[in-house]
Amino acid sequence: MERMDAKAVAEQLRADIHEGKFAPGETLPNTEQLRERFGVGKNVVSAAVQTLKGEGLLAPGGRGQPVRVRVVPQKLTRSNINYQAEKDLVKEPEDVRRRHGSAERDAKVEIAAVNDDKVTYEVVPPPDEVAKIMGLASSDYVLRRTYLRQYREGEGYSRMVSYLPYSLVKDHPPLLDSSNEPWPGGTLHQLYTAGVEVGKIEDRVSARMPTEEEVVLYDIPFNVPVIPILKISYDTSGRAVDVAELLTPADRISLSYTTELRKWDE
């Protein structure tokens, strides 16, 4: 019998996953068990597993963690035309605002169905880039809000970090209490509560390769870049009132930007 190579082992494991013999989130047999099954050496098993990680079928995992079948992440769609809809929502009743959050809008998932949703609030000095954008001094503070969300058990998390000038929200206790999250109407309504109307939103979109920490947190396959979006909200006077750092792996996001153009004068 011809000895199997890494390509053949990967092909068999790939078929097992597609046929449902290993369910999403299920741990794969360990290296020794796979060696016995296929009659191959450790290096062949390792190469086959790496191939399937690169294809996104197996989770990248951390060092020393068992290899598991990857849970396909929730697809997200971001469109700039949603910003006006978010602003219009600010004046709606609370029950309407509760039904139209980011989970429902971007992932088409009801917030009650989200598997894990964590929010932390901290009053901290602003990072240099945030201070520059907001025109803050080194002695100023910001309210840093970190959002961690996992749509389904076993899949990678998403993370957003938002910065509000502390001087803007310090006199509004509900805006300092993370237990009020998810806030009906989101950040635009929170700013409205502080007497601020957002007049413009700017997205600065870039791309890079992920860090090791991001690979594990987001469950990112090999060679998949991440799309950082720096979202800056300005009030009607042009002052930056919120800086949000969003990071999404490129394999699970669709970006749609629409620009209305003025008609020429006839």
Protein backbone atom coordinates (compact mmCIF):
# COMPACT_ATOMS: atom_id res chain seq x y z
CA MET A 1 0.00 0.00 0.00
CA GLU A 2 1.38 3.39 -1.00
CA ARG A 3 2.20 5.64 1.94
CA MET A 4 -0.02 8.74 2.15
CA ASP A 5 1.50 12.21 1.85
CA ALA A 6 0.30 15.43 3.48
CA LYS A 7 -1.87 16.32 0.48
CA ALA A 8 -3.74 13.01 0.70
CA VAL A 9 -4.21 13.30 4.48
CA ALA A 10 -5.53 16.84 4.08
CA GLU A 11 -7.89 15.68 1.33
CA GLN A 12 -9.37 12.97 3.58
CA LEU A 13 -9.76 15.29 6.57
CA ARG A 14 -11.30 17.94 4.30
CA ALA A 15 -13.84 15.38 3.09
CA ASP A 16 -14.60 14.35 6.70
CA ILE A 17 -15.33 17.97 7.61
CA HIS A 18 -17.51 18.62 4.57
CA GLU A 19 -19.44 15.40 5.21
CA GLY A 20 -20.12 16.44 8.81
CA LYS A 21 -18.02 13.75 10.48
CA PHE A 22 -16.42 16.57 12.48
CA ALA A 23 -18.89 19.27 13.48
CA PRO A 24 -18.03 22.99 13.69
CA GLY A 25 -16.28 23.61 16.99
CA GLU A 26 -15.45 19.92 17.49
CA THR A 27 -11.91 18.98 18.44
CA LEU A 28 -9.94 17.06 15.82
CA PRO A 29 -8.21 13.79 16.89
CA ASN A 30 -4.75 14.54 18.23
CA THR A 31 -1.54 14.07 16.26
CA GLU A 32 -0.90 10.54 17.55
CA GLN A 33 -4.42 9.41 16.70
CA LEU A 34 -4.13 10.85 13.18
CA ARG A 35 -0.75 9.19 12.72
CA GLU A 36 -2.26 5.82 13.61
CA ARG A 37 -5.28 6.35 11.38
CA PHE A 38 -3.30 7.29 8.28
CA GLY A 39 -0.09 5.40 8.97
CA VAL A 40 2.06 8.48 8.55
CA GLY A 41 4.60 10.45 10.54
CA LYS A 42 4.14 13.52 12.72
CA ASN A 43 5.44 15.90 10.06
CA VAL A 44 2.91 14.69 7.50
CA VAL A 45 0.04 15.17 9.96
CA SER A 46 1.34 18.63 10.88
CA ALA A 47 1.60 19.66 7.21
CA ALA A 48 -1.93 18.45 6.50
CA VAL A 49 -3.35 20.32 9.48
CA GLN A 50 -1.53 23.50 8.46
CA THR A 51 -3.02 23.20 4.98
CA LEU A 52 -6.55 23.02 6.38
CA LYS A 53 -5.89 25.92 8.73
CA GLY A 54 -4.81 27.94 5.71
CA GLU A 55 -8.09 27.06 3.99
CA GLY A 56 -10.07 28.21 7.02
CA LEU A 57 -11.47 24.75 7.78
CA LEU A 58 -9.55 24.41 11.05
CA ALA A 59 -9.26 27.12 13.69
CA PRO A 60 -5.80 28.67 14.09
CA GLY A 61 -5.89 28.24 17.89
CA GLY A 62 -3.08 29.05 20.28
CA ARG A 63 0.03 27.19 21.27
CA GLY A 64 -0.76 23.99 23.15
CA GLN A 65 -4.47 24.16 22.32
CA PRO A 66 -6.19 21.21 20.62
CA VAL A 67 -7.03 21.66 16.94
CA ARG A 68 -10.74 22.14 16.28
CA VAL A 69 -12.99 22.50 13.28
CA ARG A 70 -13.56 26.17 12.63
CA VAL A 71 -17.00 27.69 13.13
CA VAL A 72 -17.67 29.73 10.00
CA PRO A 73 -17.84 33.35 11.18
CA GLN A 74 -20.86 35.59 10.84
CA LYS A 75 -20.65 37.73 7.71
CA LEU A 76 -20.90 41.48 8.23
CA THR A 77 -21.94 44.19 5.80
CA ARG A 78 -21.00 47.83 6.37
CA SER A 79 -22.46 50.59 4.24
CA ASN A 80 -22.10 54.34 4.63
CA ILE A 81 -25.75 54.85 3.70
CA ASN A 82 -26.62 53.32 7.09
CA TYR A 83 -25.25 56.36 8.89
CA GLN A 84 -28.21 58.53 7.94
CA ALA A 85 -30.57 55.75 9.01
CA GLU A 86 -28.75 55.60 12.37
CA LYS A 87 -29.16 59.35 12.83
CA ASP A 88 -32.85 59.21 11.91
CA LEU A 89 -33.28 56.47 14.51
CA VAL A 90 -32.15 58.81 17.31
CA LYS A 91 -35.54 60.55 17.44
CA GLU A 92 -37.52 57.30 17.42
CA PRO A 93 -39.11 55.79 20.59
CA GLU A 94 -36.93 53.50 22.70
CA ASP A 95 -38.73 50.31 21.66
CA VAL A 96 -37.98 51.10 18.00
CA ARG A 97 -34.35 51.92 18.75
CA ARG A 98 -33.92 48.62 20.60
CA ARG A 99 -34.92 46.65 17.50
CA HIS A 100 -32.44 48.33 15.16
CA GLY A 101 -28.95 47.97 16.62
CA SER A 102 -25.66 47.10 14.93
CA ALA A 103 -26.24 43.33 15.31
CA GLU A 104 -29.53 43.53 13.45
CA ARG A 105 -28.19 45.98 10.85
CA ASP A 106 -24.71 44.62 10.03
CA ALA A 107 -25.05 40.90 10.82
CA LYS A 108 -28.80 40.37 10.44
CA VAL A 109 -28.83 38.82 13.93
CA GLU A 110 -31.16 39.82 16.75
CA ILE A 111 -29.20 41.08 19.76
CA ALA A 112 -30.93 38.51 22.00
CA ALA A 113 -29.45 35.74 19.83
CA VAL A 114 -25.84 36.93 20.17
CA ASN A 115 -23.84 34.30 22.08
CA ASP A 116 -21.52 36.62 24.03
CA ASP A 117 -21.52 40.40 24.36
CA LYS A 118 -19.05 42.13 26.69
CA VAL A 119 -18.58 45.87 27.22
CA THR A 120 -16.06 47.63 29.45
CA TYR A 121 -15.86 51.37 30.19
CA GLU A 122 -12.67 53.05 31.42
CA VAL A 123 -11.65 56.69 31.89
CA VAL A 124 -8.09 56.90 30.53
CA PRO A 125 -5.65 59.36 28.93
CA PRO A 126 -6.24 59.44 25.15
CA PRO A 127 -3.91 57.56 22.78
CA ASP A 128 -1.78 59.95 20.75
CA GLU A 129 -3.74 59.54 17.51
CA VAL A 130 -7.07 60.02 19.28
CA ALA A 131 -5.79 63.12 21.10
CA LYS A 132 -4.61 64.59 17.80
CA ILE A 133 -7.94 63.95 16.06
CA MET A 134 -9.96 65.36 18.96
CA GLY A 135 -7.61 68.23 19.73
CA LEU A 136 -7.11 67.06 23.31
CA ALA A 137 -4.25 67.98 25.62
CA SER A 138 -2.07 65.41 27.41
CA SER A 139 -3.89 66.29 30.64
CA ASP A 140 -7.31 65.49 29.17
CA TYR A 141 -9.17 62.18 29.50
CA VAL A 142 -11.44 60.07 27.34
CA LEU A 143 -14.07 57.47 28.07
CA ARG A 144 -12.74 54.32 26.40
CA ARG A 145 -15.44 51.79 25.59
CA THR A 146 -14.39 48.31 24.49
CA TYR A 147 -16.98 46.05 22.86
CA LEU A 148 -16.34 42.30 22.45
CA ARG A 149 -18.97 40.29 20.61
CA GLN A 150 -19.26 36.63 19.60
CA TYR A 151 -22.29 35.95 17.43
CA ARG A 152 -22.23 32.15 17.72
CA GLU A 153 -20.58 29.77 20.17
CA GLY A 154 -17.14 28.69 19.02
CA GLU A 155 -16.57 31.40 16.41
CA GLY A 156 -14.09 34.25 16.68
CA TYR A 157 -14.90 37.50 18.44
CA SER A 158 -15.28 40.96 16.97
CA ARG A 159 -13.93 43.98 18.81
CA MET A 160 -14.53 47.71 18.65
CA VAL A 161 -12.89 50.38 20.80
CA SER A 162 -14.59 53.77 21.01
CA TYR A 163 -13.29 57.00 22.58
CA LEU A 164 -15.52 59.86 23.76
CA PRO A 165 -14.12 63.07 25.29
CA TYR A 166 -14.63 62.66 29.03
CA SER A 167 -15.53 66.35 29.34
CA LEU A 168 -18.47 65.68 27.02
CA VAL A 169 -20.04 62.85 29.03
CA LYS A 170 -18.88 63.35 32.63
CA ASP A 171 -22.05 65.17 33.65
CA HIS A 172 -24.31 62.44 32.27
CA PRO A 173 -24.07 59.43 34.66
CA PRO A 174 -26.03 56.99 32.44
CA LEU A 175 -23.38 57.47 29.73
CA LEU A 176 -20.67 56.34 32.16
CA ASP A 177 -22.43 53.10 33.14
CA SER A 178 -21.60 50.09 30.94
CA SER A 179 -24.60 48.19 32.32
CA ASN A 180 -26.77 50.37 30.09
CA GLU A 181 -25.34 48.59 27.04
CA PRO A 182 -26.52 47.77 24.48
CA TRP A 183 -27.74 51.36 24.41
CA PRO A 184 -30.89 51.75 22.29
CA GLY A 185 -29.88 53.90 19.35
CA GLY A 186 -26.16 53.39 19.90
CA THR A 187 -23.50 56.09 20.04
CA LEU A 188 -25.49 58.65 18.08
CA HIS A 189 -28.25 58.54 20.70
CA GLN A 190 -25.71 58.61 23.53
CA LEU A 191 -24.21 61.77 22.05
CA TYR A 192 -27.70 63.19 21.58
CA THR A 193 -28.30 62.55 25.30
CA ALA A 194 -25.23 64.75 25.96
CA GLY A 195 -26.65 67.48 23.72
CA VAL A 196 -24.54 66.67 20.67
CA GLU A 197 -25.82 66.31 17.11
CA VAL A 198 -23.51 64.42 14.77
CA GLY A 199 -23.17 66.19 11.43
CA LYS A 200 -20.56 64.10 9.63
CA ILE A 201 -18.93 60.67 9.85
CA GLU A 202 -15.57 59.85 8.29
CA ASP A 203 -14.27 56.31 7.70
CA ARG A 204 -10.54 55.80 7.27
CA VAL A 205 -10.08 52.29 5.86
CA SER A 206 -6.75 50.47 5.62
CA ALA A 207 -5.42 46.90 5.55
CA ARG A 208 -2.63 44.94 7.24
CA MET A 209 -1.77 41.48 8.46
CA PRO A 210 -3.06 40.53 11.92
CA THR A 211 -1.05 40.23 15.10
CA GLU A 212 -0.77 36.86 16.89
CA GLU A 213 -3.25 38.05 19.51
CA GLU A 214 -5.74 39.05 16.81
CA VAL A 215 -5.39 35.68 15.01
CA VAL A 216 -6.55 33.89 18.16
CA LEU A 217 -9.22 36.40 19.25
CA TYR A 218 -10.83 36.73 15.82
CA ASP A 219 -10.11 33.12 14.73
CA ILE A 220 -8.37 34.24 11.54
CA PRO A 221 -7.10 31.73 8.95
CA PHE A 222 -3.50 31.97 7.73
CA ASN A 223 -2.70 34.72 5.25
CA VAL A 224 -6.00 36.55 5.73
CA PRO A 225 -5.47 40.30 6.25
CA VAL A 226 -7.51 42.47 8.57
CA ILE A 227 -9.38 45.64 7.65
CA PRO A 228 -8.96 48.37 10.28
CA ILE A 229 -11.57 51.12 10.06
CA LEU A 230 -11.07 54.36 11.97
CA LYS A 231 -14.55 55.85 12.25
CA ILE A 232 -14.61 59.51 13.28
CA SER A 233 -17.86 61.25 14.19
CA TYR A 234 -17.99 65.06 14.07
CA ASP A 235 -20.61 67.38 15.53
CA THR A 236 -22.26 70.07 13.42
CA SER A 237 -19.42 72.51 14.20
CA GLY A 238 -16.78 70.09 12.89
CA ARG A 239 -15.47 68.93 16.29
CA ALA A 240 -14.54 65.23 16.57
CA VAL A 241 -16.78 63.78 19.30
CA ASP A 242 -16.18 60.04 18.86
CA VAL A 243 -13.27 58.03 17.50
CA ALA A 244 -13.99 54.32 17.01
CA GLU A 245 -11.44 51.67 16.06
CA LEU A 246 -13.03 48.72 14.28
CA LEU A 247 -11.07 45.71 13.10
CA THR A 248 -12.55 42.95 10.93
CA PRO A 249 -10.82 40.05 9.13
CA ALA A 250 -11.18 40.38 5.37
CA ASP A 251 -12.87 36.98 5.02
CA ARG A 252 -16.03 38.07 6.81
CA ILE A 253 -16.81 41.66 5.82
CA SER A 254 -18.29 43.43 2.83
CA LEU A 255 -17.77 47.18 2.57
CA SER A 256 -20.23 49.21 0.52
CA TYR A 257 -19.74 52.93 -0.03
CA THR A 258 -22.22 55.04 -1.95
CA THR A 259 -21.65 58.71 -2.83
CA GLU A 260 -24.46 60.89 -4.11
CA LEU A 261 -23.22 63.35 -6.75
CA ARG A 262 -24.73 66.79 -7.31
CA LYS A 263 -26.32 67.37 -10.68
CA TRP A 264 -24.69 69.82 -13.05
CA ASP A 265 -26.44 73.09 -13.56
CA GLU A 266 -28.14 72.99 -16.93
